[in-house]
PDB file of N, CA and C in Angstrom:
ATOM      1  N   MET A   1     -20.511   0.560  48.076  1.00  0.00           N
ATOM      2  CA  MET A   1     -19.541  -0.219  47.469  1.00  0.00           C
ATOM      3  C   MET A   1     -20.233  -0.580  45.890  1.00  0.00           C
ATOM      4  N   LEU A   2     -21.466  -0.982  45.747  1.00  0.00           N
ATOM      5  CA  LEU A   2     -22.233  -1.169  44.496  1.00  0.00           C
ATOM      6  C   LEU A   2     -21.799   0.092  43.387  1.00  0.00           C
ATOM      7  N   ALA A   3     -22.319   1.038  43.878  1.00  0.00           N
ATOM      8  CA  ALA A   3     -22.264   2.703  43.441  1.00  0.00           C
ATOM      9  C   ALA A   3     -20.894   2.615  42.591  1.00  0.00           C
ATOM     10  N   ALA A   4     -19.863   2.916  43.618  1.00  0.00           N
ATOM     11  CA  ALA A   4     -18.492   2.709  43.114  1.00  0.00           C
ATOM     12  C   ALA A   4     -18.302   2.179  41.929  1.00  0.00           C
ATOM     13  N   VAL A   5     -18.500   0.829  41.846  1.00  0.00           N
ATOM     14  CA  VAL A   5     -17.930   0.197  41.102  1.00  0.00           C
ATOM     15  C   VAL A   5     -19.139  -0.065  39.524  1.00  0.00           C
ATOM     16  N   LEU A   6     -19.960   0.607  40.006  1.00  0.00           N
ATOM     17  CA  LEU A   6     -21.101   0.869  38.900  1.00  0.00           C
ATOM     18  C   LEU A   6     -20.471   2.275  38.136  1.00  0.00           C
ATOM     19  N   ILE A   7     -19.841   3.645  39.096  1.00  0.00           N
ATOM     20  CA  ILE A   7     -19.178   4.520  38.744  1.00  0.00           C
ATOM     21  C   ILE A   7     -18.479   4.358  37.745  1.00  0.00           C
ATOM     22  N   LEU A   8     -16.970   3.178  37.784  1.00  0.00           N
ATOM     23  CA  LEU A   8     -16.250   3.100  37.637  1.00  0.00           C
ATOM     24  C   LEU A   8     -16.419   2.453  36.335  1.00  0.00           C
ATOM     25  N   ALA A   9     -17.333   1.468  36.152  1.00  0.00           N
ATOM     26  CA  ALA A   9     -17.560   0.959  35.190  1.00  0.00           C
ATOM     27  C   ALA A   9     -18.340   1.763  33.914  1.00  0.00           C
ATOM     28  N   VAL A  10     -19.383   2.858  34.483  1.00  0.00           N
ATOM     29  CA  VAL A  10     -19.496   3.756  33.204  1.00  0.00           C
ATOM     30  C   VAL A  10     -18.483   4.717  32.892  1.00  0.00           C
ATOM     31  N   CYS A  11     -17.344   4.682  33.755  1.00  0.00           N
ATOM     32  CA  CYS A  11     -16.199   5.813  33.879  1.00  0.00           C
ATOM     33  C   CYS A  11     -15.075   4.784  32.099  1.00  0.00           C
ATOM     34  N   GLY A  12     -15.099   4.152  32.723  1.00  0.00           N
ATOM     35  CA  GLY A  12     -14.062   2.777  31.900  1.00  0.00           C
ATOM     36  C   GLY A  12     -15.382   2.786  30.409  1.00  0.00           C
ATOM     37  N   THR A  13     -16.206   2.599  30.481  1.00  0.00           N
ATOM     38  CA  THR A  13     -17.069   2.664  28.979  1.00  0.00           C
ATOM     39  C   THR A  13     -16.740   3.954  28.279  1.00  0.00           C
ATOM     40  N   ILE A  14     -16.908   4.934  28.839  1.00  0.00           N
ATOM     41  CA  ILE A  14     -16.995   6.343  28.407  1.00  0.00           C
ATOM     42  C   ILE A  14     -15.104   6.335  27.758  1.00  0.00           C
ATOM     43  N   LEU A  15     -14.556   5.962  28.542  1.00  0.00           N
ATOM     44  CA  LEU A  15     -12.975   6.035  28.198  1.00  0.00           C
ATOM     45  C   LEU A  15     -12.924   5.417  26.942  1.00  0.00           C
ATOM     46  N   ILE A  16     -13.379   4.187  26.781  1.00  0.00           N
ATOM     47  CA  ILE A  16     -13.099   3.481  25.732  1.00  0.00           C
ATOM     48  C   ILE A  16     -13.685   4.325  24.406  1.00  0.00           C
ATOM     49  N   ILE A  17     -14.472   4.899  24.568  1.00  0.00           N
ATOM     50  CA  ILE A  17     -15.654   5.264  23.484  1.00  0.00           C
ATOM     51  C   ILE A  17     -14.676   6.309  22.607  1.00  0.00           C
ATOM     52  N   VAL A  18     -14.159   7.523  23.961  1.00  0.00           N
ATOM     53  CA  VAL A  18     -13.882   8.337  24.068  1.00  0.00           C
ATOM     54  C   VAL A  18     -12.342   8.556  23.202  1.00  0.00           C
ATOM     55  N   LEU A  19     -11.683   7.426  23.972  1.00  0.00           N
ATOM     56  CA  LEU A  19      -9.749   6.956  23.273  1.00  0.00           C
ATOM     57  C   LEU A  19     -10.215   5.489  22.563  1.00  0.00           C
ATOM     58  N   PRO A  20     -10.695   4.972  21.801  1.00  0.00           N
ATOM     59  CA  PRO A  20     -10.123   3.912  21.026  1.00  0.00           C
ATOM     60  C   PRO A  20      -9.023   4.017  20.855  1.00  0.00           C
ATOM     61  N   GLN A  21      -8.376   2.301  21.251  1.00  0.00           N
ATOM     62  CA  GLN A  21      -7.365   1.894  20.798  1.00  0.00           C
ATOM     63  C   GLN A  21      -6.923   1.694  19.523  1.00  0.00           C
ATOM     64  N   PRO A  22      -5.828   1.944  18.948  1.00  0.00           N
ATOM     65  CA  PRO A  22      -5.377   2.044  17.465  1.00  0.00           C
ATOM     66  C   PRO A  22      -5.425   0.918  17.110  1.00  0.00           C
ATOM     67  N   GLY A  23      -5.661  -0.064  16.117  1.00  0.00           N
ATOM     68  CA  GLY A  23      -5.818  -1.366  15.587  1.00  0.00           C
ATOM     69  C   GLY A  23      -4.383  -1.381  15.160  1.00  0.00           C
ATOM     70  N   GLU A  24      -3.850  -2.881  14.808  1.00  0.00           N
ATOM     71  CA  GLU A  24      -2.687  -3.316  14.177  1.00  0.00           C
ATOM     72  C   GLU A  24      -2.217  -2.429  13.268  1.00  0.00           C
ATOM     73  N   PRO A  25      -1.071  -1.753  13.431  1.00  0.00           N
ATOM     74  CA  PRO A  25      -0.338  -0.790  12.945  1.00  0.00           C
ATOM     75  C   PRO A  25      -0.099  -2.010  10.999  1.00  0.00           C
ATOM     76  N   PHE A  26      -0.222  -1.461   9.894  1.00  0.00           N
ATOM     77  CA  PHE A  26       0.166  -1.926   8.815  1.00  0.00           C
ATOM     78  C   PHE A  26       0.390  -1.233   7.735  1.00  0.00           C
ATOM     79  N   THR A  27       0.989  -1.839   6.410  1.00  0.00           N
ATOM     80  CA  THR A  27       0.824  -0.599   5.138  1.00  0.00           C
ATOM     81  C   THR A  27      -0.074  -1.365   4.140  1.00  0.00           C
ATOM     82  N   GLU A  28      -0.598  -0.552   3.428  1.00  0.00           N
ATOM     83  CA  GLU A  28      -1.496  -0.535   2.398  1.00  0.00           C
ATOM     84  C   GLU A  28      -0.541  -0.627   0.633  1.00  0.00           C
ATOM     85  N   LEU A  29      -0.305  -1.611   0.391  1.00  0.00           N
ATOM     86  CA  LEU A  29       0.138  -1.588  -1.167  1.00  0.00           C
ATOM     87  C   LEU A  29      -1.104  -1.961  -2.039  1.00  0.00           C
ATOM     88  N   TYR A  30      -1.345  -1.105  -3.440  1.00  0.00           N
ATOM     89  CA  TYR A  30      -1.974  -1.763  -4.182  1.00  0.00           C
ATOM     90  C   TYR A  30      -1.405  -0.948  -5.609  1.00  0.00           C
ATOM     91  N   LEU A  31      -1.755  -2.315  -6.384  1.00  0.00           N
ATOM     92  CA  LEU A  31      -1.580  -1.436  -8.440  1.00  0.00           C
ATOM     93  C   LEU A  31      -3.430  -1.631  -8.855  1.00  0.00           C
ATOM     94  N   LEU A  32      -2.695  -0.483  -9.784  1.00  0.00           N
ATOM     95  CA  LEU A  32      -4.046  -0.198 -10.250  1.00  0.00           C
ATOM     96  C   LEU A  32      -4.057  -0.263 -12.250  1.00  0.00           C
ATOM     97  N   GLY A  33      -4.497  -1.058 -12.731  1.00  0.00           N
ATOM     98  CA  GLY A  33      -4.336  -0.805 -14.196  1.00  0.00           C
ATOM     99  C   GLY A  33      -4.434   0.390 -14.847  1.00  0.00           C
ATOM    100  N   ALA A  34      -4.713   0.474 -16.351  1.00  0.00           N
ATOM    101  CA  ALA A  34      -4.526   1.409 -17.171  1.00  0.00           C
ATOM    102  C   ALA A  34      -5.941   2.251 -16.982  1.00  0.00           C
ATOM    103  N   SER A  35      -6.990   1.580 -16.414  1.00  0.00           N
ATOM    104  CA  SER A  35      -8.527   2.439 -16.364  1.00  0.00           C
ATOM    105  C   SER A  35      -8.609   3.078 -14.704  1.00  0.00           C
ATOM    106  N   GLY A  36      -7.444   2.929 -13.442  1.00  0.00           N
ATOM    107  CA  GLY A  36      -7.463   3.517 -12.826  1.00  0.00           C
ATOM    108  C   GLY A  36      -8.031   2.604 -11.950  1.00  0.00           C
ATOM    109  N   LYS A  37      -8.470   1.369 -11.988  1.00  0.00           N
ATOM    110  CA  LYS A  37      -9.021   0.304 -11.219  1.00  0.00           C
ATOM    111  C   LYS A  37      -7.677  -0.682 -10.719  1.00  0.00           C
ATOM    112  N   ALA A  38      -8.654  -1.664 -10.087  1.00  0.00           N
ATOM    113  CA  ALA A  38      -7.888  -2.866  -9.712  1.00  0.00           C
ATOM    114  C   ALA A  38      -8.243  -3.689 -10.821  1.00  0.00           C
ATOM    115  N   SER A  39      -7.986  -3.589 -11.918  1.00  0.00           N
ATOM    116  CA  SER A  39      -7.946  -4.380 -12.899  1.00  0.00           C
ATOM    117  C   SER A  39      -7.448  -3.894 -14.617  1.00  0.00           C
ATOM    118  N   ASP A  40      -7.234  -4.465 -15.141  1.00  0.00           N
ATOM    119  CA  ASP A  40      -7.234  -4.130 -16.719  1.00  0.00           C
ATOM    120  C   ASP A  40      -5.480  -3.656 -16.649  1.00  0.00           C
ATOM    121  N   TYR A  41      -4.855  -4.678 -15.922  1.00  0.00           N
ATOM    122  CA  TYR A  41      -3.377  -4.579 -15.775  1.00  0.00           C
ATOM    123  C   TYR A  41      -3.111  -5.370 -17.504  1.00  0.00           C
ATOM    124  N   PRO A  42      -1.665  -4.752 -17.878  1.00  0.00           N
ATOM    125  CA  PRO A  42      -0.775  -5.080 -19.028  1.00  0.00           C
ATOM    126  C   PRO A  42      -0.990  -6.545 -18.735  1.00  0.00           C
ATOM    127  N   THR A  43      -1.198  -7.430 -19.542  1.00  0.00           N
ATOM    128  CA  THR A  43      -0.960  -9.004 -19.491  1.00  0.00           C
ATOM    129  C   THR A  43      -0.527  -9.936 -20.943  1.00  0.00           C
ATOM    130  N   ASN A  44      -0.693  -8.767 -21.891  1.00  0.00           N
ATOM    131  CA  ASN A  44       0.069  -9.484 -22.983  1.00  0.00           C
ATOM    132  C   ASN A  44       1.020  -8.901 -23.873  1.00  0.00           C
ATOM    133  N   LEU A  45       2.178  -9.034 -23.905  1.00  0.00           N
ATOM    134  CA  LEU A  45       2.792  -7.266 -24.739  1.00  0.00           C
ATOM    135  C   LEU A  45       3.942  -8.496 -25.257  1.00  0.00           C
ATOM    136  N   THR A  46       3.696  -7.589 -26.465  1.00  0.00           N
ATOM    137  CA  THR A  46       4.803  -7.736 -27.291  1.00  0.00           C
ATOM    138  C   THR A  46       6.429  -7.587 -26.997  1.00  0.00           C
ATOM    139  N   VAL A  47       7.454  -7.940 -27.385  1.00  0.00           N
ATOM    140  CA  VAL A  47       9.233  -7.457 -26.961  1.00  0.00           C
ATOM    141  C   VAL A  47       8.915  -6.384 -27.517  1.00  0.00           C
ATOM    142  N   GLY A  48       9.392  -5.471 -26.765  1.00  0.00           N
ATOM    143  CA  GLY A  48       9.660  -3.966 -26.864  1.00  0.00           C
ATOM    144  C   GLY A  48       8.364  -2.702 -27.107  1.00  0.00           C
ATOM    145  N   GLN A  49       7.132  -3.681 -26.556  1.00  0.00           N
ATOM    146  CA  GLN A  49       6.047  -2.825 -26.276  1.00  0.00           C
ATOM    147  C   GLN A  49       6.112  -2.413 -25.029  1.00  0.00           C
ATOM    148  N   LYS A  50       6.080  -1.227 -24.998  1.00  0.00           N
ATOM    149  CA  LYS A  50       5.965  -0.262 -23.132  1.00  0.00           C
ATOM    150  C   LYS A  50       4.445  -0.483 -22.619  1.00  0.00           C
ATOM    151  N   ALA A  51       4.617  -0.944 -21.274  1.00  0.00           N
ATOM    152  CA  ALA A  51       3.263  -0.361 -20.078  1.00  0.00           C
ATOM    153  C   ALA A  51       3.425   0.342 -19.152  1.00  0.00           C
ATOM    154  N   ASN A  52       2.236   0.611 -18.611  1.00  0.00           N
ATOM    155  CA  ASN A  52       2.193   1.090 -17.324  1.00  0.00           C
ATOM    156  C   ASN A  52       1.420   0.386 -16.307  1.00  0.00           C
ATOM    157  N   VAL A  53       1.988   0.797 -14.939  1.00  0.00           N
ATOM    158  CA  VAL A  53       0.389   0.211 -14.082  1.00  0.00           C
ATOM    159  C   VAL A  53       0.971   1.511 -12.880  1.00  0.00           C
ATOM    160  N   THR A  54       0.285   1.660 -12.273  1.00  0.00           N
ATOM    161  CA  THR A  54       0.176   2.998 -11.072  1.00  0.00           C
ATOM    162  C   THR A  54       0.112   1.851  -9.700  1.00  0.00           C
ATOM    163  N   VAL A  55       1.343   2.305  -8.993  1.00  0.00           N
ATOM    164  CA  VAL A  55       1.173   1.654  -7.659  1.00  0.00           C
ATOM    165  C   VAL A  55       0.774   2.492  -6.540  1.00  0.00           C
ATOM    166  N   GLY A  56       0.516   1.975  -5.079  1.00  0.00           N
ATOM    167  CA  GLY A  56       0.209   2.884  -4.339  1.00  0.00           C
ATOM    168  C   GLY A  56       0.209   2.490  -3.166  1.00  0.00           C
ATOM    169  N   VAL A  57       0.394   3.176  -2.280  1.00  0.00           N
ATOM    170  CA  VAL A  57       1.294   3.250  -0.949  1.00  0.00           C
ATOM    171  C   VAL A  57       0.094   4.051   0.230  1.00  0.00           C
ATOM    172  N   VAL A  58      -0.730   3.249   1.017  1.00  0.00           N
ATOM    173  CA  VAL A  58      -1.046   3.904   2.368  1.00  0.00           C
ATOM    174  C   VAL A  58      -0.185   3.810   3.375  1.00  0.00           C
ATOM    175  N   ASN A  59      -0.252   4.254   4.619  1.00  0.00           N
ATOM    176  CA  ASN A  59       0.654   4.124   5.943  1.00  0.00           C
ATOM    177  C   ASN A  59      -0.771   4.315   6.851  1.00  0.00           C
ATOM    178  N   HIS A  60      -0.386   3.036   7.149  1.00  0.00           N
ATOM    179  CA  HIS A  60      -1.350   2.219   8.883  1.00  0.00           C
ATOM    180  C   HIS A  60      -0.401   2.226   9.583  1.00  0.00           C
ATOM    181  N   GLU A  61       0.703   2.912  10.048  1.00  0.00           N
ATOM    182  CA  GLU A  61       1.629   2.422  11.025  1.00  0.00           C
ATOM    183  C   GLU A  61       1.359   3.171  12.185  1.00  0.00           C
ATOM    184  N   ASN A  62       0.485   4.611  12.332  1.00  0.00           N
ATOM    185  CA  ASN A  62       0.357   5.262  13.652  1.00  0.00           C
ATOM    186  C   ASN A  62       1.886   6.264  13.571  1.00  0.00           C
ATOM    187  N   ALA A  63       2.745   6.375  12.517  1.00  0.00           N
ATOM    188  CA  ALA A  63       3.732   6.843  12.678  1.00  0.00           C
ATOM    189  C   ALA A  63       4.187   7.266  11.475  1.00  0.00           C
ATOM    190  N   ASP A  64       5.240   8.107  11.390  1.00  0.00           N
ATOM    191  CA  ASP A  64       5.914   8.673  10.093  1.00  0.00           C
ATOM    192  C   ASP A  64       6.644   7.713   9.935  1.00  0.00           C
ATOM    193  N   VAL A  65       6.789   7.274   8.082  1.00  0.00           N
ATOM    194  CA  VAL A  65       7.621   6.309   7.839  1.00  0.00           C
ATOM    195  C   VAL A  65       8.169   6.572   6.762  1.00  0.00           C
ATOM    196  N   ASP A  66       9.081   6.256   6.642  1.00  0.00           N
ATOM    197  CA  ASP A  66      10.034   6.433   5.010  1.00  0.00           C
ATOM    198  C   ASP A  66      10.096   4.613   4.155  1.00  0.00           C
ATOM    199  N   TYR A  67       9.359   5.102   2.815  1.00  0.00           N
ATOM    200  CA  TYR A  67       9.617   3.626   2.031  1.00  0.00           C
ATOM    201  C   TYR A  67      10.210   4.034   1.376  1.00  0.00           C
ATOM    202  N   THR A  68      11.172   2.403   0.663  1.00  0.00           N
ATOM    203  CA  THR A  68      11.710   2.292  -0.812  1.00  0.00           C
ATOM    204  C   THR A  68      10.487   1.631  -1.294  1.00  0.00           C
ATOM    205  N   LEU A  69      10.154   1.971  -2.934  1.00  0.00           N
ATOM    206  CA  LEU A  69       9.777   1.066  -3.520  1.00  0.00           C
ATOM    207  C   LEU A  69      10.634   0.597  -4.525  1.00  0.00           C
ATOM    208  N   VAL A  70      10.618  -0.797  -4.459  1.00  0.00           N
ATOM    209  CA  VAL A  70      11.680  -1.522  -5.218  1.00  0.00           C
ATOM    210  C   VAL A  70      10.714  -2.030  -6.148  1.00  0.00           C
ATOM    211  N   ALA A  71      10.782  -1.695  -7.877  1.00  0.00           N
ATOM    212  CA  ALA A  71       9.996  -2.739  -9.049  1.00  0.00           C
ATOM    213  C   ALA A  71      10.476  -3.363  -9.850  1.00  0.00           C
ATOM    214  N   THR A  72      10.712  -4.583  -9.702  1.00  0.00           N
ATOM    215  CA  THR A  72      11.737  -5.886 -10.932  1.00  0.00           C
ATOM    216  C   THR A  72      10.991  -6.303 -11.496  1.00  0.00           C
ATOM    217  N   LEU A  73      11.280  -6.611 -12.702  1.00  0.00           N
ATOM    218  CA  LEU A  73      11.279  -7.547 -13.827  1.00  0.00           C
ATOM    219  C   LEU A  73      12.441  -8.237 -14.973  1.00  0.00           C
ATOM    220  N   ALA A  74      11.448  -9.514 -14.801  1.00  0.00           N
ATOM    221  CA  ALA A  74      13.068 -10.400 -15.118  1.00  0.00           C
ATOM    222  C   ALA A  74      14.182 -10.340 -14.076  1.00  0.00           C
ATOM    223  N   ASN A  75      14.136 -10.345 -12.788  1.00  0.00           N
ATOM    224  CA  ASN A  75      15.086 -10.078 -11.602  1.00  0.00           C
ATOM    225  C   ASN A  75      16.076  -8.631 -12.330  1.00  0.00           C
ATOM    226  N   LYS A  76      15.507  -7.593 -12.857  1.00  0.00           N
ATOM    227  CA  LYS A  76      16.057  -6.428 -13.087  1.00  0.00           C
ATOM    228  C   LYS A  76      15.585  -5.128 -12.338  1.00  0.00           C
ATOM    229  N   THR A  77      15.857  -4.526 -11.754  1.00  0.00           N
ATOM    230  CA  THR A  77      15.207  -3.236 -11.309  1.00  0.00           C
ATOM    231  C   THR A  77      14.871  -2.458 -12.321  1.00  0.00           C
ATOM    232  N   ILE A  78      13.136  -2.099 -12.274  1.00  0.00           N
ATOM    233  CA  ILE A  78      12.470  -1.146 -13.451  1.00  0.00           C
ATOM    234  C   ILE A  78      12.437   0.065 -12.773  1.00  0.00           C
ATOM    235  N   SER A  79      12.282   0.186 -11.456  1.00  0.00           N
ATOM    236  CA  SER A  79      12.152   1.509 -10.855  1.00  0.00           C
ATOM    237  C   SER A  79      12.533   1.390  -8.979  1.00  0.00           C
ATOM    238  N   ASN A  80      12.992   2.847  -8.669  1.00  0.00           N
ATOM    239  CA  ASN A  80      13.615   2.558  -7.417  1.00  0.00           C
ATOM    240  C   ASN A  80      13.068   3.662  -6.421  1.00  0.00           C
ATOM    241  N   GLN A  81      11.845   4.058  -6.205  1.00  0.00           N
ATOM    242  CA  GLN A  81      11.801   5.427  -5.595  1.00  0.00           C
ATOM    243  C   GLN A  81      12.154   5.368  -4.158  1.00  0.00           C
ATOM    244  N   SER A  82      11.984   6.461  -3.191  1.00  0.00           N
ATOM    245  CA  SER A  82      12.156   6.808  -1.791  1.00  0.00           C
ATOM    246  C   SER A  82      11.374   8.206  -1.833  1.00  0.00           C
ATOM    247  N   PHE A  83      10.493   7.563  -0.553  1.00  0.00           N
ATOM    248  CA  PHE A  83       9.237   8.439   0.563  1.00  0.00           C
ATOM    249  C   PHE A  83       9.165   8.336   1.148  1.00  0.00           C
ATOM    250  N   GLY A  84       8.547   9.559   1.926  1.00  0.00           N
ATOM    251  CA  GLY A  84       7.983   9.487   3.473  1.00  0.00           C
ATOM    252  C   GLY A  84       6.628   9.437   3.138  1.00  0.00           C
ATOM    253  N   LEU A  85       6.170   8.512   4.553  1.00  0.00           N
ATOM    254  CA  LEU A  85       4.666   9.408   4.715  1.00  0.00           C
ATOM    255  C   LEU A  85       4.621   9.615   5.786  1.00  0.00           C
ATOM    256  N   ALA A  86       3.310  10.384   6.473  1.00  0.00           N
ATOM    257  CA  ALA A  86       3.087  10.483   7.911  1.00  0.00           C
ATOM    258  C   ALA A  86       1.646   9.655   7.880  1.00  0.00           C
ATOM    259  N   ASN A  87       1.066   9.472   9.128  1.00  0.00           N
ATOM    260  CA  ASN A  87       0.617   8.317   9.221  1.00  0.00           C
ATOM    261  C   ASN A  87      -0.915   8.503   8.310  1.00  0.00           C
ATOM    262  N   THR A  88      -1.437   7.325   8.101  1.00  0.00           N
ATOM    263  CA  THR A  88      -2.812   7.669   7.026  1.00  0.00           C
ATOM    264  C   THR A  88      -2.633   8.263   5.726  1.00  0.00           C
ATOM    265  N   GLN A  89      -1.396   8.921   5.326  1.00  0.00           N
ATOM    266  CA  GLN A  89      -0.972   9.596   3.759  1.00  0.00           C
ATOM    267  C   GLN A  89      -1.011   8.804   3.125  1.00  0.00           C
ATOM    268  N   GLN A  90      -1.447   8.948   1.770  1.00  0.00           N
ATOM    269  CA  GLN A  90      -1.025   8.039   0.672  1.00  0.00           C
ATOM    270  C   GLN A  90      -0.327   8.782  -0.171  1.00  0.00           C
ATOM    271  N   TRP A  91       0.351   7.390  -0.925  1.00  0.00           N
ATOM    272  CA  TRP A  91       1.466   8.078  -2.057  1.00  0.00           C
ATOM    273  C   TRP A  91       0.850   7.265  -3.245  1.00  0.00           C
ATOM    274  N   GLN A  92       0.828   7.726  -4.725  1.00  0.00           N
ATOM    275  CA  GLN A  92       0.778   6.923  -5.714  1.00  0.00           C
ATOM    276  C   GLN A  92       1.756   7.242  -6.748  1.00  0.00           C
ATOM    277  N   GLY A  93       2.153   6.198  -7.249  1.00  0.00           N
ATOM    278  CA  GLY A  93       3.415   7.037  -8.697  1.00  0.00           C
ATOM    279  C   GLY A  93       2.895   5.867 -10.041  1.00  0.00           C
ATOM    280  N   SER A  94       3.580   5.973 -10.709  1.00  0.00           N
ATOM    281  CA  SER A  94       3.314   5.557 -11.917  1.00  0.00           C
ATOM    282  C   SER A  94       4.722   4.160 -12.463  1.00  0.00           C
ATOM    283  N   ILE A  95       4.553   3.274 -13.065  1.00  0.00           N
ATOM    284  CA  ILE A  95       5.687   2.490 -13.209  1.00  0.00           C
ATOM    285  C   ILE A  95       5.335   2.082 -14.747  1.00  0.00           C
ATOM    286  N   SER A  96       6.346   2.513 -15.402  1.00  0.00           N
ATOM    287  CA  SER A  96       6.679   2.224 -16.679  1.00  0.00           C
ATOM    288  C   SER A  96       7.735   1.424 -16.996  1.00  0.00           C
ATOM    289  N   PHE A  97       7.321   0.361 -18.016  1.00  0.00           N
ATOM    290  CA  PHE A  97       8.342  -0.857 -18.415  1.00  0.00           C
ATOM    291  C   PHE A  97       8.156  -1.092 -19.731  1.00  0.00           C
ATOM    292  N   THR A  98       9.375  -2.277 -20.013  1.00  0.00           N
ATOM    293  CA  THR A  98       8.871  -2.440 -21.544  1.00  0.00           C
ATOM    294  C   THR A  98       9.420  -4.255 -21.483  1.00  0.00           C
ATOM    295  N   ALA A  99       8.711  -4.478 -22.137  1.00  0.00           N
ATOM    296  CA  ALA A  99       8.906  -6.169 -22.178  1.00  0.00           C
ATOM    297  C   ALA A  99      10.406  -6.351 -23.395  1.00  0.00           C
ATOM    298  N   THR A 100      11.827  -7.021 -22.482  1.00  0.00           N
ATOM    299  CA  THR A 100      12.234  -7.266 -22.903  1.00  0.00           C
ATOM    300  C   THR A 100      13.030  -8.473 -23.828  1.00  0.00           C
ATOM    301  N   THR A 101      11.827  -9.698 -23.032  1.00  0.00           N
ATOM    302  CA  THR A 101      12.330 -10.924 -23.480  1.00  0.00           C
ATOM    303  C   THR A 101      10.753 -11.742 -23.537  1.00  0.00           C
ATOM    304  N   ARG A 102      10.612 -12.777 -24.722  1.00  0.00           N
ATOM    305  CA  ARG A 102       9.671 -13.290 -25.110  1.00  0.00           C
ATOM    306  C   ARG A 102       9.445 -14.436 -23.864  1.00  0.00           C
ATOM    307  N   GLY A 103       8.336 -15.147 -23.507  1.00  0.00           N
ATOM    308  CA  GLY A 103       8.057 -16.085 -22.701  1.00  0.00           C
ATOM    309  C   GLY A 103       6.492 -15.581 -21.784  1.00  0.00           C
ATOM    310  N   SER A 104       6.156 -16.794 -21.755  1.00  0.00           N
ATOM    311  CA  SER A 104       4.721 -16.299 -20.414  1.00  0.00           C
ATOM    312  C   SER A 104       4.929 -16.136 -19.140  1.00  0.00           C
ATOM    313  N   GLY A 105       4.288 -15.921 -18.168  1.00  0.00           N
ATOM    314  CA  GLY A 105       4.359 -16.073 -17.301  1.00  0.00           C
ATOM    315  C   GLY A 105       4.966 -14.934 -16.536  1.00  0.00           C
ATOM    316  N   GLN A 106       5.589 -13.910 -17.121  1.00  0.00           N
ATOM    317  CA  GLN A 106       6.645 -13.134 -16.151  1.00  0.00           C
ATOM    318  C   GLN A 106       5.809 -12.066 -15.090  1.00  0.00           C
ATOM    319  N   LYS A 107       6.526 -11.729 -14.405  1.00  0.00           N
ATOM    320  CA  LYS A 107       5.784 -10.873 -13.775  1.00  0.00           C
ATOM    321  C   LYS A 107       6.662  -9.838 -13.291  1.00  0.00           C
ATOM    322  N   ILE A 108       5.559  -8.606 -12.388  1.00  0.00           N
ATOM    323  CA  ILE A 108       6.712  -7.504 -12.311  1.00  0.00           C
ATOM    324  C   ILE A 108       6.225  -7.656 -10.346  1.00  0.00           C
ATOM    325  N   GLY A 109       7.692  -7.491  -9.551  1.00  0.00           N
ATOM    326  CA  GLY A 109       7.545  -7.665  -8.738  1.00  0.00           C
ATOM    327  C   GLY A 109       7.897  -6.441  -8.164  1.00  0.00           C
ATOM    328  N   VAL A 110       7.170  -6.139  -6.567  1.00  0.00           N
ATOM    329  CA  VAL A 110       6.943  -4.643  -6.362  1.00  0.00           C
ATOM    330  C   VAL A 110       7.136  -4.935  -4.335  1.00  0.00           C
TER     331      VAL A 110
END
């Protein structure tokens, strides 16, 4: 009886190591500044000045997923892109925008 329990425990351990359970599914979203790093974002623009940011999406949902990325500035859509990603696949795109109004604290929504 003890030998049977020991064999089952060893088999169970081997299965856990060989067939790990997937983690909780999630989507990774990130922004990169002009240098291609998570810094140097455009923060001080004059009206009419153009700026760019890079947006990245990585699928960790353990399935194929269709995404729609909508970026807004001052409650107006400045970019609308749709794309599909397989599990662990990554997408990057550039979003260009122009400052249209004066004021501090304006943010881009993604």
